[in-house]
Amino acid sequence: MNRNDQDFLVQKIRTQYTEKEHTVLDELKKLDLKVKRPANVFAYIFGSISAIIMGAGMSLVMTDIAETVGMQNPMLYGIVIGIIGMLMAIINYPVYKSILGSRRKKYAAQIIALSDKITKGEK
């Protein structure tokens, strides 16, 4: 290992043990995450639930689970449950965009102010 590689490795290890100074860029990243996280969490959870509901409807139609449970006319119930799950999956993206848009409006002024600070060179 040559001297430059050693210096780089030493510096890399050293930075792990030194305190980082809090910058405006860190604050901007944190604020951006604060805007996006609720919309993402909603989309993942609601999408997963809608997929499970749609799958349950498909299972009623395509398997003999309904007979095991003792359900009469599983085709009708399976189709209805599957359509409900499909509709939930279809509306997931517009609801996600709506949540994200409202949060962007709420935090737009702060994000623009911080990004202006960064572009002007302030710390």
PDB file of N, CA and C in Angstrom:
ATOM      1  N   MET A   1       0.852  -1.174   0.000  1.00  0.00           N
ATOM      2  CA  MET A   1       0.000   0.000   0.000  1.00  0.00           C
ATOM      3  C   MET A   1       0.897   1.236   0.000  1.00  0.00           C
ATOM      4  N   ASN A   2       0.670   2.118  -0.947  1.00  0.00           N
ATOM      5  CA  ASN A   2       1.522   3.305  -1.020  1.00  0.00           C
ATOM      6  C   ASN A   2       1.060   4.375  -0.027  1.00  0.00           C
ATOM      7  N   ARG A   3       1.827   5.415   0.054  1.00  0.00           N
ATOM      8  CA  ARG A   3       1.591   6.464   1.056  1.00  0.00           C
ATOM      9  C   ARG A   3       0.244   7.170   0.855  1.00  0.00           C
ATOM     10  N   ASN A   4      -0.147   7.443  -0.396  1.00  0.00           N
ATOM     11  CA  ASN A   4      -1.426   8.115  -0.664  1.00  0.00           C
ATOM     12  C   ASN A   4      -2.612   7.259  -0.228  1.00  0.00           C
ATOM     13  N   ASP A   5      -2.521   5.955  -0.490  1.00  0.00           N
ATOM     14  CA  ASP A   5      -3.600   5.056  -0.070  1.00  0.00           C
ATOM     15  C   ASP A   5      -3.710   5.010   1.452  1.00  0.00           C
ATOM     16  N   GLN A   6      -2.564   4.991   2.121  1.00  0.00           N
ATOM     17  CA  GLN A   6      -2.571   4.981   3.582  1.00  0.00           C
ATOM     18  C   GLN A   6      -3.189   6.264   4.134  1.00  0.00           C
ATOM     19  N   ASP A   7      -2.798   7.393   3.564  1.00  0.00           N
ATOM     20  CA  ASP A   7      -3.348   8.666   4.025  1.00  0.00           C
ATOM     21  C   ASP A   7      -4.852   8.726   3.823  1.00  0.00           C
ATOM     22  N   PHE A   8      -5.306   8.223   2.681  1.00  0.00           N
ATOM     23  CA  PHE A   8      -6.745   8.214   2.406  1.00  0.00           C
ATOM     24  C   PHE A   8      -7.476   7.329   3.408  1.00  0.00           C
ATOM     25  N   LEU A   9      -6.934   6.141   3.660  1.00  0.00           N
ATOM     26  CA  LEU A   9      -7.566   5.225   4.600  1.00  0.00           C
ATOM     27  C   LEU A   9      -7.588   5.799   6.010  1.00  0.00           C
ATOM     28  N   VAL A  10      -6.502   6.412   6.425  1.00  0.00           N
ATOM     29  CA  VAL A  10      -6.438   7.035   7.754  1.00  0.00           C
ATOM     30  C   VAL A  10      -7.473   8.151   7.863  1.00  0.00           C
ATOM     31  N   GLN A  11      -7.560   8.971   6.840  1.00  0.00           N
ATOM     32  CA  GLN A  11      -8.527  10.077   6.854  1.00  0.00           C
ATOM     33  C   GLN A  11      -9.962   9.554   6.883  1.00  0.00           C
ATOM     34  N   LYS A  12     -10.224   8.496   6.138  1.00  0.00           N
ATOM     35  CA  LYS A  12     -11.566   7.902   6.107  1.00  0.00           C
ATOM     36  C   LYS A  12     -11.957   7.372   7.478  1.00  0.00           C
ATOM     37  N   ILE A  13     -11.043   6.678   8.127  1.00  0.00           N
ATOM     38  CA  ILE A  13     -11.327   6.151   9.470  1.00  0.00           C
ATOM     39  C   ILE A  13     -11.462   7.291  10.469  1.00  0.00           C
ATOM     40  N   ARG A  14     -10.623   8.287  10.346  1.00  0.00           N
ATOM     41  CA  ARG A  14     -10.653   9.417  11.276  1.00  0.00           C
ATOM     42  C   ARG A  14     -11.987  10.173  11.219  1.00  0.00           C
ATOM     43  N   THR A  15     -12.539  10.339  10.012  1.00  0.00           N
ATOM     44  CA  THR A  15     -13.802  11.081   9.888  1.00  0.00           C
ATOM     45  C   THR A  15     -14.964  10.366  10.565  1.00  0.00           C
ATOM     46  N   GLN A  16     -14.838   9.055  10.740  1.00  0.00           N
ATOM     47  CA  GLN A  16     -15.901   8.320  11.427  1.00  0.00           C
ATOM     48  C   GLN A  16     -15.955   8.654  12.917  1.00  0.00           C
ATOM     49  N   TYR A  17     -14.859   9.144  13.460  1.00  0.00           N
ATOM     50  CA  TYR A  17     -14.777   9.399  14.895  1.00  0.00           C
ATOM     51  C   TYR A  17     -14.795  10.873  15.267  1.00  0.00           C
ATOM     52  N   THR A  18     -14.892  11.730  14.291  1.00  0.00           N
ATOM     53  CA  THR A  18     -14.969  13.154  14.589  1.00  0.00           C
ATOM     54  C   THR A  18     -16.410  13.619  14.432  1.00  0.00           C
ATOM     55  N   GLU A  19     -16.758  14.632  15.184  1.00  0.00           N
ATOM     56  CA  GLU A  19     -18.119  15.174  15.095  1.00  0.00           C
ATOM     57  C   GLU A  19     -18.263  15.984  13.823  1.00  0.00           C
ATOM     58  N   LYS A  20     -19.394  15.779  13.189  1.00  0.00           N
ATOM     59  CA  LYS A  20     -19.665  16.535  11.968  1.00  0.00           C
ATOM     60  C   LYS A  20     -20.374  17.826  12.346  1.00  0.00           C
ATOM     61  N   GLU A  21     -20.032  18.885  11.659  1.00  0.00           N
ATOM     62  CA  GLU A  21     -20.721  20.140  11.923  1.00  0.00           C
ATOM     63  C   GLU A  21     -22.054  20.135  11.171  1.00  0.00           C
ATOM     64  N   HIS A  22     -23.033  20.695  11.809  1.00  0.00           N
ATOM     65  CA  HIS A  22     -24.368  20.761  11.231  1.00  0.00           C
ATOM     66  C   HIS A  22     -24.406  21.883  10.203  1.00  0.00           C
ATOM     67  N   THR A  23     -24.778  21.547   8.971  1.00  0.00           N
ATOM     68  CA  THR A  23     -24.793  22.542   7.908  1.00  0.00           C
ATOM     69  C   THR A  23     -26.229  22.815   7.456  1.00  0.00           C
ATOM     70  N   VAL A  24     -26.379  23.813   6.638  1.00  0.00           N
ATOM     71  CA  VAL A  24     -27.689  24.159   6.085  1.00  0.00           C
ATOM     72  C   VAL A  24     -28.155  23.054   5.140  1.00  0.00           C
ATOM     73  N   LEU A  25     -27.204  22.409   4.463  1.00  0.00           N
ATOM     74  CA  LEU A  25     -27.566  21.310   3.567  1.00  0.00           C
ATOM     75  C   LEU A  25     -28.173  20.147   4.346  1.00  0.00           C
ATOM     76  N   ASP A  26     -27.631  19.856   5.532  1.00  0.00           N
ATOM     77  CA  ASP A  26     -28.216  18.812   6.375  1.00  0.00           C
ATOM     78  C   ASP A  26     -29.648  19.177   6.768  1.00  0.00           C
ATOM     79  N   GLU A  27     -29.854  20.427   7.081  1.00  0.00           N
ATOM     80  CA  GLU A  27     -31.188  20.902   7.445  1.00  0.00           C
ATOM     81  C   GLU A  27     -32.152  20.792   6.263  1.00  0.00           C
ATOM     82  N   LEU A  28     -31.661  21.104   5.063  1.00  0.00           N
ATOM     83  CA  LEU A  28     -32.484  21.004   3.854  1.00  0.00           C
ATOM     84  C   LEU A  28     -32.865  19.550   3.566  1.00  0.00           C
ATOM     85  N   LYS A  29     -31.910  18.635   3.712  1.00  0.00           N
ATOM     86  CA  LYS A  29     -32.192  17.213   3.507  1.00  0.00           C
ATOM     87  C   LYS A  29     -33.234  16.715   4.515  1.00  0.00           C
ATOM     88  N   LYS A  30     -33.089  17.145   5.754  1.00  0.00           N
ATOM     89  CA  LYS A  30     -34.015  16.732   6.803  1.00  0.00           C
ATOM     90  C   LYS A  30     -35.426  17.246   6.513  1.00  0.00           C
ATOM     91  N   LEU A  31     -35.526  18.478   6.056  1.00  0.00           N
ATOM     92  CA  LEU A  31     -36.820  19.063   5.733  1.00  0.00           C
ATOM     93  C   LEU A  31     -37.451  18.369   4.525  1.00  0.00           C
ATOM     94  N   ASP A  32     -36.629  18.035   3.523  1.00  0.00           N
ATOM     95  CA  ASP A  32     -37.124  17.317   2.348  1.00  0.00           C
ATOM     96  C   ASP A  32     -37.666  15.949   2.741  1.00  0.00           C
ATOM     97  N   LEU A  33     -36.976  15.267   3.625  1.00  0.00           N
ATOM     98  CA  LEU A  33     -37.436  13.971   4.112  1.00  0.00           C
ATOM     99  C   LEU A  33     -38.740  14.117   4.895  1.00  0.00           C
ATOM    100  N   LYS A  34     -38.855  15.208   5.647  1.00  0.00           N
ATOM    101  CA  LYS A  34     -40.070  15.476   6.413  1.00  0.00           C
ATOM    102  C   LYS A  34     -41.265  15.687   5.490  1.00  0.00           C
ATOM    103  N   VAL A  35     -41.025  16.213   4.308  1.00  0.00           N
ATOM    104  CA  VAL A  35     -42.092  16.425   3.331  1.00  0.00           C
ATOM    105  C   VAL A  35     -42.513  15.097   2.709  1.00  0.00           C
ATOM    106  N   LYS A  36     -41.553  14.272   2.330  1.00  0.00           N
ATOM    107  CA  LYS A  36     -41.843  13.069   1.545  1.00  0.00           C
ATOM    108  C   LYS A  36     -42.232  11.845   2.364  1.00  0.00           C
ATOM    109  N   ARG A  37     -41.742  11.726   3.580  1.00  0.00           N
ATOM    110  CA  ARG A  37     -41.950  10.495   4.346  1.00  0.00           C
ATOM    111  C   ARG A  37     -43.420  10.147   4.594  1.00  0.00           C
ATOM    112  N   PRO A  38     -44.287  11.071   5.035  1.00  0.00           N
ATOM    113  CA  PRO A  38     -45.683  10.680   5.281  1.00  0.00           C
ATOM    114  C   PRO A  38     -46.395  10.162   4.026  1.00  0.00           C
ATOM    115  N   ALA A  39     -46.128  10.777   2.894  1.00  0.00           N
ATOM    116  CA  ALA A  39     -46.758  10.319   1.651  1.00  0.00           C
ATOM    117  C   ALA A  39     -46.251   8.927   1.276  1.00  0.00           C
ATOM    118  N   ASN A  40     -44.949   8.681   1.433  1.00  0.00           N
ATOM    119  CA  ASN A  40     -44.396   7.377   1.115  1.00  0.00           C
ATOM    120  C   ASN A  40     -44.925   6.296   2.045  1.00  0.00           C
ATOM    121  N   VAL A  41     -44.980   6.584   3.329  1.00  0.00           N
ATOM    122  CA  VAL A  41     -45.483   5.603   4.298  1.00  0.00           C
ATOM    123  C   VAL A  41     -46.937   5.260   3.976  1.00  0.00           C
ATOM    124  N   PHE A  42     -47.745   6.280   3.701  1.00  0.00           N
ATOM    125  CA  PHE A  42     -49.134   6.021   3.341  1.00  0.00           C
ATOM    126  C   PHE A  42     -49.220   5.137   2.102  1.00  0.00           C
ATOM    127  N   ALA A  43     -48.467   5.470   1.064  1.00  0.00           N
ATOM    128  CA  ALA A  43     -48.552   4.729  -0.196  1.00  0.00           C
ATOM    129  C   ALA A  43     -48.149   3.272  -0.011  1.00  0.00           C
ATOM    130  N   TYR A  44     -47.092   3.018   0.731  1.00  0.00           N
ATOM    131  CA  TYR A  44     -46.658   1.637   0.950  1.00  0.00           C
ATOM    132  C   TYR A  44     -47.689   0.843   1.744  1.00  0.00           C
ATOM    133  N   ILE A  45     -48.177   1.421   2.817  1.00  0.00           N
ATOM    134  CA  ILE A  45     -49.126   0.691   3.663  1.00  0.00           C
ATOM    135  C   ILE A  45     -50.450   0.492   2.947  1.00  0.00           C
ATOM    136  N   PHE A  46     -51.007   1.544   2.366  1.00  0.00           N
ATOM    137  CA  PHE A  46     -52.295   1.448   1.679  1.00  0.00           C
ATOM    138  C   PHE A  46     -52.193   0.532   0.460  1.00  0.00           C
ATOM    139  N   GLY A  47     -51.087   0.593  -0.268  1.00  0.00           N
ATOM    140  CA  GLY A  47     -50.898  -0.281  -1.418  1.00  0.00           C
ATOM    141  C   GLY A  47     -50.790  -1.737  -1.008  1.00  0.00           C
ATOM    142  N   SER A  48     -50.103  -2.000   0.083  1.00  0.00           N
ATOM    143  CA  SER A  48     -49.983  -3.377   0.560  1.00  0.00           C
ATOM    144  C   SER A  48     -51.334  -3.930   0.996  1.00  0.00           C
ATOM    145  N   ILE A  49     -52.090  -3.107   1.711  1.00  0.00           N
ATOM    146  CA  ILE A  49     -53.413  -3.546   2.162  1.00  0.00           C
ATOM    147  C   ILE A  49     -54.330  -3.801   0.974  1.00  0.00           C
ATOM    148  N   SER A  50     -54.286  -2.928  -0.018  1.00  0.00           N
ATOM    149  CA  SER A  50     -55.150  -3.121  -1.185  1.00  0.00           C
ATOM    150  C   SER A  50     -54.744  -4.373  -1.961  1.00  0.00           C
ATOM    151  N   ALA A  51     -53.454  -4.666  -2.044  1.00  0.00           N
ATOM    152  CA  ALA A  51     -53.012  -5.889  -2.725  1.00  0.00           C
ATOM    153  C   ALA A  51     -53.467  -7.132  -1.975  1.00  0.00           C
ATOM    154  N   ILE A  52     -53.434  -7.077  -0.652  1.00  0.00           N
ATOM    155  CA  ILE A  52     -53.890  -8.215   0.145  1.00  0.00           C
ATOM    156  C   ILE A  52     -55.391  -8.432  -0.039  1.00  0.00           C
ATOM    157  N   ILE A  53     -56.151  -7.349  -0.049  1.00  0.00           N
ATOM    158  CA  ILE A  53     -57.604  -7.469  -0.249  1.00  0.00           C
ATOM    159  C   ILE A  53     -57.909  -8.016  -1.635  1.00  0.00           C
ATOM    160  N   MET A  54     -57.227  -7.511  -2.645  1.00  0.00           N
ATOM    161  CA  MET A  54     -57.446  -8.006  -4.001  1.00  0.00           C
ATOM    162  C   MET A  54     -57.057  -9.484  -4.090  1.00  0.00           C
ATOM    163  N   GLY A  55     -55.971  -9.858  -3.459  1.00  0.00           N
ATOM    164  CA  GLY A  55     -55.551 -11.267  -3.447  1.00  0.00           C
ATOM    165  C   GLY A  55     -56.534 -12.156  -2.719  1.00  0.00           C
ATOM    166  N   ALA A  56     -57.134 -11.643  -1.657  1.00  0.00           N
ATOM    167  CA  ALA A  56     -58.144 -12.436  -0.941  1.00  0.00           C
ATOM    168  C   ALA A  56     -59.352 -12.693  -1.839  1.00  0.00           C
ATOM    169  N   GLY A  57     -59.762 -11.686  -2.587  1.00  0.00           N
ATOM    170  CA  GLY A  57     -60.870 -11.873  -3.522  1.00  0.00           C
ATOM    171  C   GLY A  57     -60.524 -12.874  -4.603  1.00  0.00           C
ATOM    172  N   MET A  58     -59.316 -12.800  -5.121  1.00  0.00           N
ATOM    173  CA  MET A  58     -58.891 -13.767  -6.142  1.00  0.00           C
ATOM    174  C   MET A  58     -58.829 -15.177  -5.569  1.00  0.00           C
ATOM    175  N   SER A  59     -58.418 -15.304  -4.318  1.00  0.00           N
ATOM    176  CA  SER A  59     -58.347 -16.621  -3.692  1.00  0.00           C
ATOM    177  C   SER A  59     -59.728 -17.230  -3.530  1.00  0.00           C
ATOM    178  N   LEU A  60     -60.704 -16.411  -3.215  1.00  0.00           N
ATOM    179  CA  LEU A  60     -62.070 -16.923  -3.097  1.00  0.00           C
ATOM    180  C   LEU A  60     -62.580 -17.443  -4.438  1.00  0.00           C
ATOM    181  N   VAL A  61     -62.216 -16.767  -5.510  1.00  0.00           N
ATOM    182  CA  VAL A  61     -62.699 -17.160  -6.832  1.00  0.00           C
ATOM    183  C   VAL A  61     -61.958 -18.390  -7.351  1.00  0.00           C
ATOM    184  N   MET A  62     -60.658 -18.442  -7.158  1.00  0.00           N
ATOM    185  CA  MET A  62     -59.849 -19.445  -7.837  1.00  0.00           C
ATOM    186  C   MET A  62     -59.530 -20.691  -7.014  1.00  0.00           C
ATOM    187  N   THR A  63     -59.800 -20.699  -5.737  1.00  0.00           N
ATOM    188  CA  THR A  63     -59.461 -21.863  -4.910  1.00  0.00           C
ATOM    189  C   THR A  63     -60.707 -22.383  -4.214  1.00  0.00           C
ATOM    190  N   ASP A  64     -60.513 -23.423  -3.426  1.00  0.00           N
ATOM    191  CA  ASP A  64     -61.643 -24.000  -2.689  1.00  0.00           C
ATOM    192  C   ASP A  64     -61.650 -23.582  -1.221  1.00  0.00           C
ATOM    193  N   ILE A  65     -61.041 -22.438  -0.924  1.00  0.00           N
ATOM    194  CA  ILE A  65     -61.020 -21.928   0.453  1.00  0.00           C
ATOM    195  C   ILE A  65     -62.438 -21.650   0.935  1.00  0.00           C
ATOM    196  N   ALA A  66     -63.275 -21.131   0.063  1.00  0.00           N
ATOM    197  CA  ALA A  66     -64.650 -20.801   0.445  1.00  0.00           C
ATOM    198  C   ALA A  66     -65.416 -22.056   0.867  1.00  0.00           C
ATOM    199  N   GLU A  67     -65.200 -23.165   0.194  1.00  0.00           N
ATOM    200  CA  GLU A  67     -65.874 -24.405   0.576  1.00  0.00           C
ATOM    201  C   GLU A  67     -65.393 -24.873   1.938  1.00  0.00           C
ATOM    202  N   THR A  68     -64.115 -24.708   2.216  1.00  0.00           N
ATOM    203  CA  THR A  68     -63.562 -25.108   3.508  1.00  0.00           C
ATOM    204  C   THR A  68     -64.171 -24.276   4.631  1.00  0.00           C
ATOM    205  N   VAL A  69     -64.363 -23.004   4.379  1.00  0.00           N
ATOM    206  CA  VAL A  69     -64.929 -22.109   5.380  1.00  0.00           C
ATOM    207  C   VAL A  69     -66.444 -22.304   5.473  1.00  0.00           C
ATOM    208  N   GLY A  70     -67.047 -22.814   4.420  1.00  0.00           N
ATOM    209  CA  GLY A  70     -68.495 -23.019   4.409  1.00  0.00           C
ATOM    210  C   GLY A  70     -69.248 -21.859   3.784  1.00  0.00           C
ATOM    211  N   MET A  71     -68.620 -21.153   2.884  1.00  0.00           N
ATOM    212  CA  MET A  71     -69.241 -19.987   2.264  1.00  0.00           C
ATOM    213  C   MET A  71     -70.026 -20.427   1.026  1.00  0.00           C
ATOM    214  N   GLN A  72     -71.226 -19.901   0.897  1.00  0.00           N
ATOM    215  CA  GLN A  72     -72.044 -20.173  -0.278  1.00  0.00           C
ATOM    216  C   GLN A  72     -71.778 -19.104  -1.326  1.00  0.00           C
ATOM    217  N   ASN A  73     -71.712 -19.485  -2.585  1.00  0.00           N
ATOM    218  CA  ASN A  73     -71.516 -18.576  -3.717  1.00  0.00           C
ATOM    219  C   ASN A  73     -70.242 -17.728  -3.574  1.00  0.00           C
ATOM    220  N   PRO A  74     -69.072 -18.376  -3.523  1.00  0.00           N
ATOM    221  CA  PRO A  74     -67.822 -17.637  -3.334  1.00  0.00           C
ATOM    222  C   PRO A  74     -67.443 -16.774  -4.537  1.00  0.00           C
ATOM    223  N   MET A  75     -67.950 -17.112  -5.715  1.00  0.00           N
ATOM    224  CA  MET A  75     -67.603 -16.352  -6.912  1.00  0.00           C
ATOM    225  C   MET A  75     -68.034 -14.892  -6.773  1.00  0.00           C
ATOM    226  N   LEU A  76     -69.255 -14.666  -6.341  1.00  0.00           N
ATOM    227  CA  LEU A  76     -69.770 -13.304  -6.206  1.00  0.00           C
ATOM    228  C   LEU A  76     -68.977 -12.529  -5.160  1.00  0.00           C
ATOM    229  N   TYR A  77     -68.774 -13.133  -4.000  1.00  0.00           N
ATOM    230  CA  TYR A  77     -68.028 -12.454  -2.945  1.00  0.00           C
ATOM    231  C   TYR A  77     -66.577 -12.209  -3.356  1.00  0.00           C
ATOM    232  N   GLY A  78     -65.974 -13.154  -4.021  1.00  0.00           N
ATOM    233  CA  GLY A  78     -64.592 -13.004  -4.464  1.00  0.00           C
ATOM    234  C   GLY A  78     -64.432 -11.881  -5.466  1.00  0.00           C
ATOM    235  N   ILE A  79     -65.382 -11.784  -6.396  1.00  0.00           N
ATOM    236  CA  ILE A  79     -65.314 -10.712  -7.387  1.00  0.00           C
ATOM    237  C   ILE A  79     -65.491  -9.354  -6.716  1.00  0.00           C
ATOM    238  N   VAL A  80     -66.446  -9.251  -5.815  1.00  0.00           N
ATOM    239  CA  VAL A  80     -66.690  -7.977  -5.121  1.00  0.00           C
ATOM    240  C   VAL A  80     -65.464  -7.572  -4.293  1.00  0.00           C
ATOM    241  N   ILE A  81     -64.917  -8.525  -3.541  1.00  0.00           N
ATOM    242  CA  ILE A  81     -63.738  -8.218  -2.717  1.00  0.00           C
ATOM    243  C   ILE A  81     -62.542  -7.858  -3.607  1.00  0.00           C
ATOM    244  N   GLY A  82     -62.367  -8.587  -4.708  1.00  0.00           N
ATOM    245  CA  GLY A  82     -61.271  -8.290  -5.627  1.00  0.00           C
ATOM    246  C   GLY A  82     -61.399  -6.912  -6.253  1.00  0.00           C
ATOM    247  N   ILE A  83     -62.612  -6.533  -6.630  1.00  0.00           N
ATOM    248  CA  ILE A  83     -62.830  -5.204  -7.218  1.00  0.00           C
ATOM    249  C   ILE A  83     -62.565  -4.104  -6.193  1.00  0.00           C
ATOM    250  N   ILE A  84     -62.961  -4.345  -4.950  1.00  0.00           N
ATOM    251  CA  ILE A  84     -62.682  -3.355  -3.894  1.00  0.00           C
ATOM    252  C   ILE A  84     -61.165  -3.172  -3.744  1.00  0.00           C
ATOM    253  N   GLY A  85     -60.425  -4.271  -3.723  1.00  0.00           N
ATOM    254  CA  GLY A  85     -58.964  -4.182  -3.624  1.00  0.00           C
ATOM    255  C   GLY A  85     -58.357  -3.487  -4.826  1.00  0.00           C
ATOM    256  N   MET A  86     -58.906  -3.761  -6.018  1.00  0.00           N
ATOM    257  CA  MET A  86     -58.409  -3.113  -7.225  1.00  0.00           C
ATOM    258  C   MET A  86     -58.657  -1.606  -7.193  1.00  0.00           C
ATOM    259  N   LEU A  87     -59.843  -1.217  -6.759  1.00  0.00           N
ATOM    260  CA  LEU A  87     -60.158   0.211  -6.672  1.00  0.00           C
ATOM    261  C   LEU A  87     -59.251   0.914  -5.665  1.00  0.00           C
ATOM    262  N   MET A  88     -58.971   0.238  -4.565  1.00  0.00           N
ATOM    263  CA  MET A  88     -58.048   0.816  -3.580  1.00  0.00           C
ATOM    264  C   MET A  88     -56.662   1.005  -4.191  1.00  0.00           C
ATOM    265  N   ALA A  89     -56.211   0.010  -4.969  1.00  0.00           N
ATOM    266  CA  ALA A  89     -54.895   0.111  -5.608  1.00  0.00           C
ATOM    267  C   ALA A  89     -54.876   1.230  -6.647  1.00  0.00           C
ATOM    268  N   ILE A  90     -55.993   1.411  -7.342  1.00  0.00           N
ATOM    269  CA  ILE A  90     -56.061   2.454  -8.368  1.00  0.00           C
ATOM    270  C   ILE A  90     -56.006   3.847  -7.753  1.00  0.00           C
ATOM    271  N   ILE A  91     -56.683   4.042  -6.625  1.00  0.00           N
ATOM    272  CA  ILE A  91     -56.702   5.376  -6.023  1.00  0.00           C
ATOM    273  C   ILE A  91     -55.471   5.665  -5.169  1.00  0.00           C
ATOM    274  N   ASN A  92     -54.614   4.668  -4.966  1.00  0.00           N
ATOM    275  CA  ASN A  92     -53.436   4.857  -4.123  1.00  0.00           C
ATOM    276  C   ASN A  92     -52.536   5.967  -4.654  1.00  0.00           C
ATOM    277  N   TYR A  93     -52.217   5.952  -5.936  1.00  0.00           N
ATOM    278  CA  TYR A  93     -51.299   6.953  -6.492  1.00  0.00           C
ATOM    279  C   TYR A  93     -51.881   8.369  -6.445  1.00  0.00           C
ATOM    280  N   PRO A  94     -53.139   8.587  -6.843  1.00  0.00           N
ATOM    281  CA  PRO A  94     -53.663   9.961  -6.725  1.00  0.00           C
ATOM    282  C   PRO A  94     -53.687  10.473  -5.280  1.00  0.00           C
ATOM    283  N   VAL A  95     -53.993   9.603  -4.333  1.00  0.00           N
ATOM    284  CA  VAL A  95     -53.991  10.025  -2.933  1.00  0.00           C
ATOM    285  C   VAL A  95     -52.560  10.351  -2.490  1.00  0.00           C
ATOM    286  N   TYR A  96     -51.604   9.531  -2.917  1.00  0.00           N
ATOM    287  CA  TYR A  96     -50.186   9.794  -2.621  1.00  0.00           C
ATOM    288  C   TYR A  96     -49.767  11.160  -3.158  1.00  0.00           C
ATOM    289  N   LYS A  97     -50.109  11.429  -4.423  1.00  0.00           N
ATOM    290  CA  LYS A  97     -49.752  12.714  -5.034  1.00  0.00           C
ATOM    291  C   LYS A  97     -50.420  13.875  -4.303  1.00  0.00           C
ATOM    292  N   SER A  98     -51.637  13.675  -3.839  1.00  0.00           N
ATOM    293  CA  SER A  98     -52.347  14.718  -3.107  1.00  0.00           C
ATOM    294  C   SER A  98     -51.662  15.023  -1.774  1.00  0.00           C
ATOM    295  N   ILE A  99     -51.299  13.977  -1.044  1.00  0.00           N
ATOM    296  CA  ILE A  99     -50.609  14.169   0.235  1.00  0.00           C
ATOM    297  C   ILE A  99     -49.274  14.862   0.005  1.00  0.00           C
ATOM    298  N   LEU A 100     -48.531  14.403  -0.996  1.00  0.00           N
ATOM    299  CA  LEU A 100     -47.232  14.999  -1.294  1.00  0.00           C
ATOM    300  C   LEU A 100     -47.377  16.461  -1.716  1.00  0.00           C
ATOM    301  N   GLY A 101     -48.380  16.759  -2.529  1.00  0.00           N
ATOM    302  CA  GLY A 101     -48.599  18.140  -2.972  1.00  0.00           C
ATOM    303  C   GLY A 101     -48.947  19.074  -1.831  1.00  0.00           C
ATOM    304  N   SER A 102     -49.796  18.594  -0.922  1.00  0.00           N
ATOM    305  CA  SER A 102     -50.173  19.456   0.197  1.00  0.00           C
ATOM    306  C   SER A 102     -48.992  19.699   1.135  1.00  0.00           C
ATOM    307  N   ARG A 103     -48.149  18.683   1.320  1.00  0.00           N
ATOM    308  CA  ARG A 103     -46.979  18.859   2.178  1.00  0.00           C
ATOM    309  C   ARG A 103     -45.938  19.745   1.505  1.00  0.00           C
ATOM    310  N   ARG A 104     -45.835  19.665   0.186  1.00  0.00           N
ATOM    311  CA  ARG A 104     -44.912  20.547  -0.527  1.00  0.00           C
ATOM    312  C   ARG A 104     -45.338  22.003  -0.392  1.00  0.00           C
ATOM    313  N   LYS A 105     -46.640  22.248  -0.491  1.00  0.00           N
ATOM    314  CA  LYS A 105     -47.137  23.619  -0.310  1.00  0.00           C
ATOM    315  C   LYS A 105     -46.842  24.127   1.095  1.00  0.00           C
ATOM    316  N   LYS A 106     -47.009  23.236   2.068  1.00  0.00           N
ATOM    317  CA  LYS A 106     -46.829  23.621   3.460  1.00  0.00           C
ATOM    318  C   LYS A 106     -45.377  24.014   3.754  1.00  0.00           C
ATOM    319  N   TYR A 107     -44.415  23.292   3.174  1.00  0.00           N
ATOM    320  CA  TYR A 107     -43.011  23.516   3.493  1.00  0.00           C
ATOM    321  C   TYR A 107     -42.232  24.221   2.387  1.00  0.00           C
ATOM    322  N   ALA A 108     -42.899  24.658   1.335  1.00  0.00           N
ATOM    323  CA  ALA A 108     -42.214  25.252   0.182  1.00  0.00           C
ATOM    324  C   ALA A 108     -41.390  26.482   0.566  1.00  0.00           C
ATOM    325  N   ALA A 109     -41.950  27.359   1.368  1.00  0.00           N
ATOM    326  CA  ALA A 109     -41.241  28.597   1.729  1.00  0.00           C
ATOM    327  C   ALA A 109     -39.953  28.290   2.491  1.00  0.00           C
ATOM    328  N   GLN A 110     -40.018  27.353   3.417  1.00  0.00           N
ATOM    329  CA  GLN A 110     -38.820  27.009   4.189  1.00  0.00           C
ATOM    330  C   GLN A 110     -37.754  26.373   3.301  1.00  0.00           C
ATOM    331  N   ILE A 111     -38.170  25.477   2.417  1.00  0.00           N
ATOM    332  CA  ILE A 111     -37.214  24.796   1.547  1.00  0.00           C
ATOM    333  C   ILE A 111     -36.570  25.783   0.575  1.00  0.00           C
ATOM    334  N   ILE A 112     -37.351  26.681   0.026  1.00  0.00           N
ATOM    335  CA  ILE A 112     -36.803  27.675  -0.894  1.00  0.00           C
ATOM    336  C   ILE A 112     -35.826  28.599  -0.172  1.00  0.00           C
ATOM    337  N   ALA A 113     -36.176  29.001   1.054  1.00  0.00           N
ATOM    338  CA  ALA A 113     -35.271  29.869   1.819  1.00  0.00           C
ATOM    339  C   ALA A 113     -33.948  29.171   2.107  1.00  0.00           C
ATOM    340  N   LEU A 114     -34.010  27.910   2.506  1.00  0.00           N
ATOM    341  CA  LEU A 114     -32.778  27.172   2.783  1.00  0.00           C
ATOM    342  C   LEU A 114     -31.962  26.941   1.511  1.00  0.00           C
ATOM    343  N   SER A 115     -32.631  26.620   0.411  1.00  0.00           N
ATOM    344  CA  SER A 115     -31.892  26.400  -0.835  1.00  0.00           C
ATOM    345  C   SER A 115     -31.265  27.701  -1.341  1.00  0.00           C
ATOM    346  N   ASP A 116     -31.917  28.830  -1.108  1.00  0.00           N
ATOM    347  CA  ASP A 116     -31.327  30.123  -1.469  1.00  0.00           C
ATOM    348  C   ASP A 116     -30.068  30.390  -0.644  1.00  0.00           C
ATOM    349  N   LYS A 117     -30.112  30.038   0.634  1.00  0.00           N
ATOM    350  CA  LYS A 117     -28.916  30.198   1.489  1.00  0.00           C
ATOM    351  C   LYS A 117     -27.755  29.377   0.945  1.00  0.00           C
ATOM    352  N   ILE A 118     -28.067  28.153   0.542  1.00  0.00           N
ATOM    353  CA  ILE A 118     -27.005  27.278   0.055  1.00  0.00           C
ATOM    354  C   ILE A 118     -26.430  27.784  -1.262  1.00  0.00           C
ATOM    355  N   THR A 119     -27.293  28.213  -2.163  1.00  0.00           N
ATOM    356  CA  THR A 119     -26.800  28.681  -3.465  1.00  0.00           C
ATOM    357  C   THR A 119     -26.020  29.996  -3.358  1.00  0.00           C
ATOM    358  N   LYS A 120     -26.301  30.783  -2.315  1.00  0.00           N
ATOM    359  CA  LYS A 120     -25.574  32.035  -2.122  1.00  0.00           C
ATOM    360  C   LYS A 120     -24.282  31.823  -1.345  1.00  0.00           C
ATOM    361  N   GLY A 121     -24.064  30.581  -0.876  1.00  0.00           N
ATOM    362  CA  GLY A 121     -22.804  30.272  -0.228  1.00  0.00           C
ATOM    363  C   GLY A 121     -22.777  30.416   1.272  1.00  0.00           C
ATOM    364  N   GLU A 122     -23.927  30.620   1.912  1.00  0.00           N
ATOM    365  CA  GLU A 122     -23.953  30.751   3.362  1.00  0.00           C
ATOM    366  C   GLU A 122     -23.883  29.365   3.982  1.00  0.00           C
ATOM    367  N   LYS A 123     -23.412  29.297   5.228  1.00  0.00           N
ATOM    368  CA  LYS A 123     -23.332  28.007   5.921  1.00  0.00           C
ATOM    369  C   LYS A 123     -24.355  27.903   6.992  1.00  0.00           C
TER     370      LYS A 123
END
